[in-house]
PDB file of N, CA and C in Angstrom:
ATOM      1  N   UNK A   1     125.930  77.072 127.081  1.00  0.00           N
ATOM      2  CA  UNK A   1     125.666  77.117 126.168  1.00  0.00           C
ATOM      3  C   UNK A   1     127.482  78.104 126.012  1.00  0.00           C
ATOM      4  N   UNK A   2     127.989  77.248 124.311  1.00  0.00           N
ATOM      5  CA  UNK A   2     129.128  77.799 123.920  1.00  0.00           C
ATOM      6  C   UNK A   2     129.110  79.418 123.285  1.00  0.00           C
ATOM      7  N   UNK A   3     129.948  79.735 123.365  1.00  0.00           N
ATOM      8  CA  UNK A   3     130.070  81.512 122.550  1.00  0.00           C
ATOM      9  C   UNK A   3     130.791  81.551 121.099  1.00  0.00           C
ATOM     10  N   UNK A   4     129.962  82.065 120.474  1.00  0.00           N
ATOM     11  CA  UNK A   4     130.644  82.561 118.715  1.00  0.00           C
ATOM     12  C   UNK A   4     130.601  83.590 118.533  1.00  0.00           C
ATOM     13  N   UNK A   5     132.227  83.912 118.634  1.00  0.00           N
ATOM     14  CA  UNK A   5     132.748  84.992 118.320  1.00  0.00           C
ATOM     15  C   UNK A   5     132.583  85.667 116.157  1.00  0.00           C
ATOM     16  N   UNK A   6     131.134  86.831 116.652  1.00  0.00           N
ATOM     17  CA  UNK A   6     131.649  87.521 114.926  1.00  0.00           C
ATOM     18  C   UNK A   6     131.958  88.611 114.633  1.00  0.00           C
ATOM     19  N   UNK A   7     132.939  88.962 113.782  1.00  0.00           N
ATOM     20  CA  UNK A   7     133.386  89.837 113.385  1.00  0.00           C
ATOM     21  C   UNK A   7     133.173  90.612 112.409  1.00  0.00           C
ATOM     22  N   UNK A   8     133.160  92.051 112.983  1.00  0.00           N
ATOM     23  CA  UNK A   8     131.994  93.148 112.169  1.00  0.00           C
ATOM     24  C   UNK A   8     133.243  94.035 111.692  1.00  0.00           C
ATOM     25  N   UNK A   9     132.789  94.811 110.688  1.00  0.00           N
ATOM     26  CA  UNK A   9     133.985  96.097 110.672  1.00  0.00           C
ATOM     27  C   UNK A   9     132.929  97.138 110.491  1.00  0.00           C
ATOM     28  N   UNK A  10     133.017  98.532 111.093  1.00  0.00           N
ATOM     29  CA  UNK A  10     132.453  99.583 110.720  1.00  0.00           C
ATOM     30  C   UNK A  10     134.042 100.565 110.809  1.00  0.00           C
ATOM     31  N   UNK A  11     133.331 101.628 110.395  1.00  0.00           N
ATOM     32  CA  UNK A  11     133.517 103.089 110.354  1.00  0.00           C
ATOM     33  C   UNK A  11     134.481 103.444 112.088  1.00  0.00           C
ATOM     34  N   UNK A  12     135.546 104.203 112.082  1.00  0.00           N
ATOM     35  CA  UNK A  12     136.057 104.407 113.246  1.00  0.00           C
ATOM     36  C   UNK A  12     135.051 105.435 114.384  1.00  0.00           C
ATOM     37  N   UNK A  13     134.268 106.240 113.603  1.00  0.00           N
ATOM     38  CA  UNK A  13     133.538 106.832 114.270  1.00  0.00           C
ATOM     39  C   UNK A  13     132.316 106.374 114.442  1.00  0.00           C
ATOM     40  N   UNK A  14     131.615 104.997 113.964  1.00  0.00           N
ATOM     41  CA  UNK A  14     130.491 104.486 114.699  1.00  0.00           C
ATOM     42  C   UNK A  14     130.635 104.013 115.644  1.00  0.00           C
ATOM     43  N   UNK A  15     132.431 102.908 115.235  1.00  0.00           N
ATOM     44  CA  UNK A  15     133.134 102.484 117.081  1.00  0.00           C
ATOM     45  C   UNK A  15     133.166 102.944 118.047  1.00  0.00           C
ATOM     46  N   UNK A  16     133.567 104.634 117.882  1.00  0.00           N
ATOM     47  CA  UNK A  16     133.255 105.159 118.815  1.00  0.00           C
ATOM     48  C   UNK A  16     132.204 105.569 119.589  1.00  0.00           C
ATOM     49  N   UNK A  17     131.449 105.858 118.843  1.00  0.00           N
ATOM     50  CA  UNK A  17     129.933 106.330 119.111  1.00  0.00           C
ATOM     51  C   UNK A  17     129.492 104.618 120.144  1.00  0.00           C
ATOM     52  N   UNK A  18     129.663 103.781 119.605  1.00  0.00           N
ATOM     53  CA  UNK A  18     128.874 102.197 119.862  1.00  0.00           C
ATOM     54  C   UNK A  18     129.798 102.338 121.549  1.00  0.00           C
ATOM     55  N   UNK A  19     130.982 102.420 120.827  1.00  0.00           N
ATOM     56  CA  UNK A  19     131.800 102.166 122.614  1.00  0.00           C
ATOM     57  C   UNK A  19     131.846 103.270 123.780  1.00  0.00           C
ATOM     58  N   UNK A  20     130.812 104.436 123.047  1.00  0.00           N
ATOM     59  CA  UNK A  20     130.423 105.192 124.320  1.00  0.00           C
ATOM     60  C   UNK A  20     128.868 105.406 125.008  1.00  0.00           C
ATOM     61  N   UNK A  21     128.662 104.333 124.029  1.00  0.00           N
ATOM     62  CA  UNK A  21     127.016 104.528 124.270  1.00  0.00           C
ATOM     63  C   UNK A  21     126.719 103.230 125.100  1.00  0.00           C
ATOM     64  N   UNK A  22     127.812 102.155 125.160  1.00  0.00           N
ATOM     65  CA  UNK A  22     127.942 100.510 126.013  1.00  0.00           C
ATOM     66  C   UNK A  22     128.061 101.549 127.178  1.00  0.00           C
ATOM     67  N   UNK A  23     129.766 101.994 127.014  1.00  0.00           N
ATOM     68  CA  UNK A  23     130.365 102.795 128.252  1.00  0.00           C
ATOM     69  C   UNK A  23     129.468 103.287 129.131  1.00  0.00           C
ATOM     70  N   UNK A  24     128.082 104.366 128.903  1.00  0.00           N
ATOM     71  CA  UNK A  24     126.819 104.673 129.477  1.00  0.00           C
ATOM     72  C   UNK A  24     126.434 103.652 129.736  1.00  0.00           C
ATOM     73  N   UNK A  25     125.480 102.696 129.134  1.00  0.00           N
ATOM     74  CA  UNK A  25     124.696 101.679 129.362  1.00  0.00           C
ATOM     75  C   UNK A  25     125.408 100.910 130.514  1.00  0.00           C
ATOM     76  N   UNK A  26     126.375 101.419 130.769  1.00  0.00           N
ATOM     77  CA  UNK A  26     127.436  99.918 131.888  1.00  0.00           C
ATOM     78  C   UNK A  26     127.435  98.626 131.297  1.00  0.00           C
ATOM     79  N   UNK A  27     128.044  98.334 130.071  1.00  0.00           N
ATOM     80  CA  UNK A  27     127.823  97.258 129.484  1.00  0.00           C
ATOM     81  C   UNK A  27     129.222  97.326 128.915  1.00  0.00           C
ATOM     82  N   UNK A  28     129.966  96.237 128.387  1.00  0.00           N
ATOM     83  CA  UNK A  28     130.878  96.254 127.374  1.00  0.00           C
ATOM     84  C   UNK A  28     130.625  95.920 125.565  1.00  0.00           C
ATOM     85  N   UNK A  29     131.464  96.457 124.779  1.00  0.00           N
ATOM     86  CA  UNK A  29     131.035  96.968 123.363  1.00  0.00           C
ATOM     87  C   UNK A  29     129.663  95.423 123.143  1.00  0.00           C
ATOM     88  N   UNK A  30     130.449  94.222 123.571  1.00  0.00           N
ATOM     89  CA  UNK A  30     130.567  93.489 122.723  1.00  0.00           C
ATOM     90  C   UNK A  30     128.651  93.099 123.518  1.00  0.00           C
ATOM     91  N   UNK A  31     128.619  93.200 125.263  1.00  0.00           N
ATOM     92  CA  UNK A  31     127.417  93.109 125.433  1.00  0.00           C
ATOM     93  C   UNK A  31     126.163  94.114 125.055  1.00  0.00           C
ATOM     94  N   UNK A  32     126.406  95.077 124.684  1.00  0.00           N
ATOM     95  CA  UNK A  32     125.889  96.527 124.465  1.00  0.00           C
ATOM     96  C   UNK A  32     125.268  95.608 123.027  1.00  0.00           C
ATOM     97  N   UNK A  33     126.011  95.314 122.174  1.00  0.00           N
ATOM     98  CA  UNK A  33     125.523  95.166 120.686  1.00  0.00           C
ATOM     99  C   UNK A  33     125.089  94.082 120.648  1.00  0.00           C
ATOM    100  N   UNK A  34     124.779  92.715 121.537  1.00  0.00           N
ATOM    101  CA  UNK A  34     124.156  91.873 121.662  1.00  0.00           C
ATOM    102  C   UNK A  34     122.626  92.215 121.765  1.00  0.00           C
ATOM    103  N   UNK A  35     123.261  92.909 122.780  1.00  0.00           N
ATOM    104  CA  UNK A  35     121.261  93.484 123.830  1.00  0.00           C
ATOM    105  C   UNK A  35     120.804  94.803 122.496  1.00  0.00           C
ATOM    106  N   UNK A  36     121.739  95.277 122.216  1.00  0.00           N
ATOM    107  CA  UNK A  36     120.875  95.983 120.655  1.00  0.00           C
ATOM    108  C   UNK A  36     120.336  94.666 119.653  1.00  0.00           C
ATOM    109  N   UNK A  37     120.818  93.804 119.152  1.00  0.00           N
ATOM    110  CA  UNK A  37     120.814  93.375 117.984  1.00  0.00           C
ATOM    111  C   UNK A  37     119.427  92.337 118.950  1.00  0.00           C
ATOM    112  N   UNK A  38     119.526  91.764 120.003  1.00  0.00           N
ATOM    113  CA  UNK A  38     118.602  90.830 120.116  1.00  0.00           C
ATOM    114  C   UNK A  38     117.070  92.152 120.818  1.00  0.00           C
ATOM    115  N   UNK A  39     117.311  93.308 120.923  1.00  0.00           N
ATOM    116  CA  UNK A  39     115.907  94.599 120.758  1.00  0.00           C
ATOM    117  C   UNK A  39     115.524  94.581 119.695  1.00  0.00           C
ATOM    118  N   UNK A  40     116.411  94.733 118.708  1.00  0.00           N
ATOM    119  CA  UNK A  40     115.666  94.659 117.207  1.00  0.00           C
ATOM    120  C   UNK A  40     115.213  93.737 116.691  1.00  0.00           C
ATOM    121  N   UNK A  41     115.444  92.506 117.273  1.00  0.00           N
ATOM    122  CA  UNK A  41     115.127  90.878 116.482  1.00  0.00           C
ATOM    123  C   UNK A  41     113.859  90.840 117.179  1.00  0.00           C
ATOM    124  N   UNK A  42     113.763  91.526 118.400  1.00  0.00           N
ATOM    125  CA  UNK A  42     112.277  91.102 119.394  1.00  0.00           C
ATOM    126  C   UNK A  42     111.139  92.015 118.578  1.00  0.00           C
ATOM    127  N   UNK A  43     111.944  93.300 118.170  1.00  0.00           N
ATOM    128  CA  UNK A  43     110.924  94.162 117.682  1.00  0.00           C
ATOM    129  C   UNK A  43     110.730  93.572 116.246  1.00  0.00           C
ATOM    130  N   UNK A  44     111.780  93.105 115.481  1.00  0.00           N
ATOM    131  CA  UNK A  44     110.892  93.174 114.316  1.00  0.00           C
ATOM    132  C   UNK A  44     109.780  91.548 114.447  1.00  0.00           C
ATOM    133  N   UNK A  45     110.555  90.802 114.328  1.00  0.00           N
ATOM    134  CA  UNK A  45     109.173  89.550 114.926  1.00  0.00           C
ATOM    135  C   UNK A  45     107.918  89.976 115.636  1.00  0.00           C
ATOM    136  N   UNK A  46     107.559  91.159 116.627  1.00  0.00           N
ATOM    137  CA  UNK A  46     106.879  91.313 117.275  1.00  0.00           C
ATOM    138  C   UNK A  46     106.428  91.788 115.599  1.00  0.00           C
ATOM    139  N   UNK A  47     106.581  93.177 115.236  1.00  0.00           N
ATOM    140  CA  UNK A  47     106.076  93.257 114.192  1.00  0.00           C
ATOM    141  C   UNK A  47     105.198  92.526 112.586  1.00  0.00           C
ATOM    142  N   UNK A  48     106.487  91.636 112.804  1.00  0.00           N
ATOM    143  CA  UNK A  48     105.973  90.355 111.492  1.00  0.00           C
ATOM    144  C   UNK A  48     104.378  89.749 112.263  1.00  0.00           C
ATOM    145  N   UNK A  49     104.611  89.533 113.334  1.00  0.00           N
ATOM    146  CA  UNK A  49     103.689  88.556 113.374  1.00  0.00           C
ATOM    147  C   UNK A  49     102.161  89.781 114.186  1.00  0.00           C
ATOM    148  N   UNK A  50     102.594  91.045 113.895  1.00  0.00           N
ATOM    149  CA  UNK A  50     101.215  91.664 114.205  1.00  0.00           C
ATOM    150  C   UNK A  50     100.263  91.633 113.196  1.00  0.00           C
ATOM    151  N   UNK A  51     101.360  92.055 111.772  1.00  0.00           N
ATOM    152  CA  UNK A  51     100.707  92.008 110.862  1.00  0.00           C
ATOM    153  C   UNK A  51     101.280  90.703 109.879  1.00  0.00           C
ATOM    154  N   UNK A  52     100.742  89.698 110.409  1.00  0.00           N
ATOM    155  CA  UNK A  52     100.985  88.384 109.633  1.00  0.00           C
ATOM    156  C   UNK A  52      99.395  87.906 108.857  1.00  0.00           C
ATOM    157  N   UNK A  53      98.913  88.460 109.946  1.00  0.00           N
ATOM    158  CA  UNK A  53      97.614  88.000 108.715  1.00  0.00           C
ATOM    159  C   UNK A  53      97.360  89.314 108.156  1.00  0.00           C
ATOM    160  N   UNK A  54      97.765  90.291 108.416  1.00  0.00           N
ATOM    161  CA  UNK A  54      97.450  91.136 106.715  1.00  0.00           C
ATOM    162  C   UNK A  54      97.628  90.741 105.442  1.00  0.00           C
ATOM    163  N   UNK A  55      99.134  90.122 105.987  1.00  0.00           N
ATOM    164  CA  UNK A  55     100.060  90.058 105.270  1.00  0.00           C
ATOM    165  C   UNK A  55      99.441  88.900 104.549  1.00  0.00           C
ATOM    166  N   UNK A  56      98.679  87.989 105.252  1.00  0.00           N
ATOM    167  CA  UNK A  56      97.830  86.462 104.150  1.00  0.00           C
ATOM    168  C   UNK A  56      96.800  86.997 103.912  1.00  0.00           C
ATOM    169  N   UNK A  57      96.353  87.924 104.251  1.00  0.00           N
ATOM    170  CA  UNK A  57      94.844  88.304 103.396  1.00  0.00           C
ATOM    171  C   UNK A  57      95.347  89.156 102.034  1.00  0.00           C
ATOM    172  N   UNK A  58      96.223  89.510 102.058  1.00  0.00           N
ATOM    173  CA  UNK A  58      97.321  90.535 101.390  1.00  0.00           C
ATOM    174  C   UNK A  58      97.543  89.876  99.866  1.00  0.00           C
ATOM    175  N   UNK A  59      98.302  88.358 100.418  1.00  0.00           N
ATOM    176  CA  UNK A  59      98.979  87.966  99.880  1.00  0.00           C
ATOM    177  C   UNK A  59      97.698  87.255  98.608  1.00  0.00           C
ATOM    178  N   UNK A  60      96.379  86.603  99.411  1.00  0.00           N
ATOM    179  CA  UNK A  60      95.471  85.928  99.068  1.00  0.00           C
ATOM    180  C   UNK A  60      94.605  86.464  97.922  1.00  0.00           C
ATOM    181  N   UNK A  61      94.639  88.024  98.428  1.00  0.00           N
ATOM    182  CA  UNK A  61      93.521  88.721  97.370  1.00  0.00           C
ATOM    183  C   UNK A  61      95.077  89.069  95.951  1.00  0.00           C
ATOM    184  N   UNK A  62      96.143  89.290  96.346  1.00  0.00           N
ATOM    185  CA  UNK A  62      96.694  89.329  94.932  1.00  0.00           C
ATOM    186  C   UNK A  62      96.513  88.161  94.106  1.00  0.00           C
ATOM    187  N   UNK A  63      96.973  86.862  94.822  1.00  0.00           N
ATOM    188  CA  UNK A  63      96.913  85.925  93.883  1.00  0.00           C
ATOM    189  C   UNK A  63      94.917  85.428  93.444  1.00  0.00           C
ATOM    190  N   UNK A  64      94.164  85.614  93.768  1.00  0.00           N
ATOM    191  CA  UNK A  64      92.492  85.934  93.515  1.00  0.00           C
ATOM    192  C   UNK A  64      92.961  87.355  92.107  1.00  0.00           C
ATOM    193  N   UNK A  65      93.636  88.273  92.024  1.00  0.00           N
ATOM    194  CA  UNK A  65      93.329  89.252  91.123  1.00  0.00           C
ATOM    195  C   UNK A  65      94.164  88.344  89.739  1.00  0.00           C
ATOM    196  N   UNK A  66      95.382  88.253  90.423  1.00  0.00           N
ATOM    197  CA  UNK A  66      96.354  87.285  89.301  1.00  0.00           C
ATOM    198  C   UNK A  66      95.249  85.952  88.678  1.00  0.00           C
ATOM    199  N   UNK A  67      94.406  85.718  89.483  1.00  0.00           N
ATOM    200  CA  UNK A  67      93.994  85.151  88.595  1.00  0.00           C
ATOM    201  C   UNK A  67      92.202  85.318  87.441  1.00  0.00           C
ATOM    202  N   UNK A  68      92.588  86.254  87.842  1.00  0.00           N
ATOM    203  CA  UNK A  68      91.342  86.575  87.317  1.00  0.00           C
ATOM    204  C   UNK A  68      91.515  87.077  85.354  1.00  0.00           C
ATOM    205  N   UNK A  69      90.147  87.442  84.952  1.00  0.00           N
ATOM    206  CA  UNK A  69      90.848  87.420  83.488  1.00  0.00           C
ATOM    207  C   UNK A  69      90.846  88.855  83.282  1.00  0.00           C
ATOM    208  N   UNK A  70      91.847  88.584  82.160  1.00  0.00           N
ATOM    209  CA  UNK A  70      92.269  90.277  81.959  1.00  0.00           C
ATOM    210  C   UNK A  70      90.600  91.220  81.116  1.00  0.00           C
ATOM    211  N   UNK A  71      90.514  92.281  82.068  1.00  0.00           N
ATOM    212  CA  UNK A  71      89.502  93.337  81.244  1.00  0.00           C
ATOM    213  C   UNK A  71      89.798  93.739  79.777  1.00  0.00           C
ATOM    214  N   UNK A  72      88.910  93.272  78.636  1.00  0.00           N
ATOM    215  CA  UNK A  72      88.837  93.903  77.312  1.00  0.00           C
ATOM    216  C   UNK A  72      89.431  94.870  77.197  1.00  0.00           C
ATOM    217  N   UNK A  73      90.458  95.830  76.712  1.00  0.00           N
ATOM    218  CA  UNK A  73      90.386  96.542  76.166  1.00  0.00           C
ATOM    219  C   UNK A  73      89.260  97.727  75.783  1.00  0.00           C
ATOM    220  N   UNK A  74      89.047  98.694  76.407  1.00  0.00           N
ATOM    221  CA  UNK A  74      87.296  99.433  76.071  1.00  0.00           C
ATOM    222  C   UNK A  74      87.807 101.026  75.818  1.00  0.00           C
ATOM    223  N   UNK A  75      87.710 101.240  74.439  1.00  0.00           N
ATOM    224  CA  UNK A  75      87.953 102.997  73.840  1.00  0.00           C
ATOM    225  C   UNK A  75      86.806 103.580  75.099  1.00  0.00           C
ATOM    226  N   UNK A  76      87.849 105.278  75.030  1.00  0.00           N
ATOM    227  CA  UNK A  76      86.921 105.915  76.151  1.00  0.00           C
ATOM    228  C   UNK A  76      85.846 106.291  75.053  1.00  0.00           C
ATOM    229  N   UNK A  77      85.795 106.113  74.122  1.00  0.00           N
ATOM    230  CA  UNK A  77      84.407 106.265  72.764  1.00  0.00           C
ATOM    231  C   UNK A  77      83.244 105.475  73.287  1.00  0.00           C
ATOM    232  N   UNK A  78      83.803 103.805  73.602  1.00  0.00           N
ATOM    233  CA  UNK A  78      82.579 103.402  74.008  1.00  0.00           C
ATOM    234  C   UNK A  78      81.781 103.404  75.351  1.00  0.00           C
ATOM    235  N   UNK A  79      82.909 105.027  76.581  1.00  0.00           N
ATOM    236  CA  UNK A  79      81.694 104.585  77.569  1.00  0.00           C
ATOM    237  C   UNK A  79      80.772 105.629  77.635  1.00  0.00           C
ATOM    238  N   UNK A  80      79.827 105.038  79.011  1.00  0.00           N
ATOM    239  CA  UNK A  80      78.909 106.108  78.766  1.00  0.00           C
ATOM    240  C   UNK A  80      79.916 107.248  79.086  1.00  0.00           C
ATOM    241  N   UNK A  81      78.830 108.213  79.040  1.00  0.00           N
ATOM    242  CA  UNK A  81      79.037 109.787  79.787  1.00  0.00           C
ATOM    243  C   UNK A  81      79.422 109.763  81.248  1.00  0.00           C
ATOM    244  N   UNK A  82      78.299 109.049  82.089  1.00  0.00           N
ATOM    245  CA  UNK A  82      78.627 107.979  83.607  1.00  0.00           C
ATOM    246  C   UNK A  82      79.841 106.965  83.888  1.00  0.00           C
ATOM    247  N   UNK A  83      80.036 106.094  83.179  1.00  0.00           N
ATOM    248  CA  UNK A  83      81.212 105.724  82.819  1.00  0.00           C
ATOM    249  C   UNK A  83      82.079 106.648  82.968  1.00  0.00           C
ATOM    250  N   UNK A  84      82.693 107.909  82.069  1.00  0.00           N
ATOM    251  CA  UNK A  84      83.919 108.544  81.395  1.00  0.00           C
ATOM    252  C   UNK A  84      83.917 109.231  83.431  1.00  0.00           C
ATOM    253  N   UNK A  85      82.417 109.790  83.753  1.00  0.00           N
ATOM    254  CA  UNK A  85      82.955 111.026  85.027  1.00  0.00           C
ATOM    255  C   UNK A  85      83.346 109.483  86.127  1.00  0.00           C
ATOM    256  N   UNK A  86      83.114 108.685  86.344  1.00  0.00           N
ATOM    257  CA  UNK A  86      83.153 107.489  87.351  1.00  0.00           C
ATOM    258  C   UNK A  86      84.771 107.200  87.299  1.00  0.00           C
ATOM    259  N   UNK A  87      84.903 107.213  85.762  1.00  0.00           N
ATOM    260  CA  UNK A  87      86.706 106.624  85.290  1.00  0.00           C
ATOM    261  C   UNK A  87      87.392 108.200  85.663  1.00  0.00           C
ATOM    262  N   UNK A  88      87.403 109.534  85.346  1.00  0.00           N
ATOM    263  CA  UNK A  88      87.772 110.492  86.101  1.00  0.00           C
ATOM    264  C   UNK A  88      88.077 110.487  87.757  1.00  0.00           C
ATOM    265  N   UNK A  89      86.794 110.584  88.089  1.00  0.00           N
ATOM    266  CA  UNK A  89      86.543 110.335  89.673  1.00  0.00           C
ATOM    267  C   UNK A  89      88.004 109.643  90.814  1.00  0.00           C
ATOM    268  N   UNK A  90      87.660 108.328  89.969  1.00  0.00           N
ATOM    269  CA  UNK A  90      88.729 107.447  90.125  1.00  0.00           C
ATOM    270  C   UNK A  90      90.484 107.726  90.064  1.00  0.00           C
ATOM    271  N   UNK A  91      90.552 108.342  88.870  1.00  0.00           N
ATOM    272  CA  UNK A  91      92.090 108.480  88.467  1.00  0.00           C
ATOM    273  C   UNK A  91      92.160 109.731  89.470  1.00  0.00           C
ATOM    274  N   UNK A  92      91.156 110.862  89.774  1.00  0.00           N
ATOM    275  CA  UNK A  92      91.629 111.829  90.692  1.00  0.00           C
ATOM    276  C   UNK A  92      92.375 111.282  91.951  1.00  0.00           C
ATOM    277  N   UNK A  93      91.211 110.144  92.737  1.00  0.00           N
ATOM    278  CA  UNK A  93      91.638 109.286  93.760  1.00  0.00           C
ATOM    279  C   UNK A  93      92.454 109.171  93.845  1.00  0.00           C
ATOM    280  N   UNK A  94      93.272 108.931  92.952  1.00  0.00           N
ATOM    281  CA  UNK A  94      95.132 108.302  92.810  1.00  0.00           C
ATOM    282  C   UNK A  94      95.992 109.085  92.929  1.00  0.00           C
ATOM    283  N   UNK A  95      95.326 109.685  91.215  1.00  0.00           N
ATOM    284  CA  UNK A  95      96.629 110.485  90.702  1.00  0.00           C
ATOM    285  C   UNK A  95      96.216 112.524  90.833  1.00  0.00           C
ATOM    286  N   UNK A  96      95.265 112.043  91.860  1.00  0.00           N
ATOM    287  CA  UNK A  96      94.992 113.856  92.417  1.00  0.00           C
ATOM    288  C   UNK A  96      94.283 114.398  91.298  1.00  0.00           C
ATOM    289  N   UNK A  97      93.594 115.847  91.364  1.00  0.00           N
ATOM    290  CA  UNK A  97      92.952 116.598  90.403  1.00  0.00           C
ATOM    291  C   UNK A  97      94.133 117.073  89.496  1.00  0.00           C
ATOM    292  N   UNK A  98      95.427 117.326  89.875  1.00  0.00           N
ATOM    293  CA  UNK A  98      96.317 118.186  88.928  1.00  0.00           C
ATOM    294  C   UNK A  98      96.985 117.142  88.133  1.00  0.00           C
ATOM    295  N   UNK A  99      96.762 115.384  89.035  1.00  0.00           N
ATOM    296  CA  UNK A  99      97.485 114.451  87.355  1.00  0.00           C
ATOM    297  C   UNK A  99      98.760 115.019  87.691  1.00  0.00           C
ATOM    298  N   UNK A 100      99.760 114.942  88.419  1.00  0.00           N
ATOM    299  CA  UNK A 100     101.037 115.352  88.947  1.00  0.00           C
ATOM    300  C   UNK A 100     101.298 113.575  89.363  1.00  0.00           C
ATOM    301  N   UNK A 101     102.412 112.956  88.185  1.00  0.00           N
ATOM    302  CA  UNK A 101     102.947 112.326  88.666  1.00  0.00           C
ATOM    303  C   UNK A 101     103.598 111.681  89.802  1.00  0.00           C
ATOM    304  N   UNK A 102     104.066 112.779  90.592  1.00  0.00           N
ATOM    305  CA  UNK A 102     105.109 112.731  91.589  1.00  0.00           C
ATOM    306  C   UNK A 102     104.249 112.310  92.533  1.00  0.00           C
ATOM    307  N   UNK A 103     104.634 111.040  93.483  1.00  0.00           N
ATOM    308  CA  UNK A 103     103.929 111.059  94.520  1.00  0.00           C
ATOM    309  C   UNK A 103     103.904 112.267  96.119  1.00  0.00           C
ATOM    310  N   UNK A 104     102.774 112.254  96.480  1.00  0.00           N
ATOM    311  CA  UNK A 104     102.769 113.005  97.468  1.00  0.00           C
ATOM    312  C   UNK A 104     104.281 113.163  98.740  1.00  0.00           C
ATOM    313  N   UNK A 105     104.222 114.530  98.498  1.00  0.00           N
ATOM    314  CA  UNK A 105     105.677 114.265  99.986  1.00  0.00           C
ATOM    315  C   UNK A 105     107.183 113.875  98.840  1.00  0.00           C
ATOM    316  N   UNK A 106     107.120 113.808  98.361  1.00  0.00           N
ATOM    317  CA  UNK A 106     108.237 113.601  97.281  1.00  0.00           C
ATOM    318  C   UNK A 106     108.291 114.271  95.662  1.00  0.00           C
ATOM    319  N   UNK A 107     109.310 114.898  95.727  1.00  0.00           N
ATOM    320  CA  UNK A 107     109.850 115.920  94.463  1.00  0.00           C
ATOM    321  C   UNK A 107     109.268 114.705  93.350  1.00  0.00           C
ATOM    322  N   UNK A 108     109.292 115.883  92.262  1.00  0.00           N
ATOM    323  CA  UNK A 108     108.904 115.205  91.071  1.00  0.00           C
ATOM    324  C   UNK A 108     110.482 115.254  90.199  1.00  0.00           C
TER     325      UNK A 108
END
């Protein structure tokens, strides 16, 4: 099989780290990079295969949701007390009871 040359540009520090890792692995830089890229591609493909069924379900659910008619606007005053409590509980699940706009683990 004919080989193809690919040229890459990187910082000197990155190049030196790659050379060192390749040397420790007993490979030349070219073989090391091909090995690393091939391994990454295999990992990505395995993950995509593992989640393809779930991705299809999500896409199907999103398409079904997009086809649903929009809900009419309802004012809070039109809700029963139980409906208001249900809405409040649902919002607390999504935003937390303090209603902080920041996501968990992220700064506001």
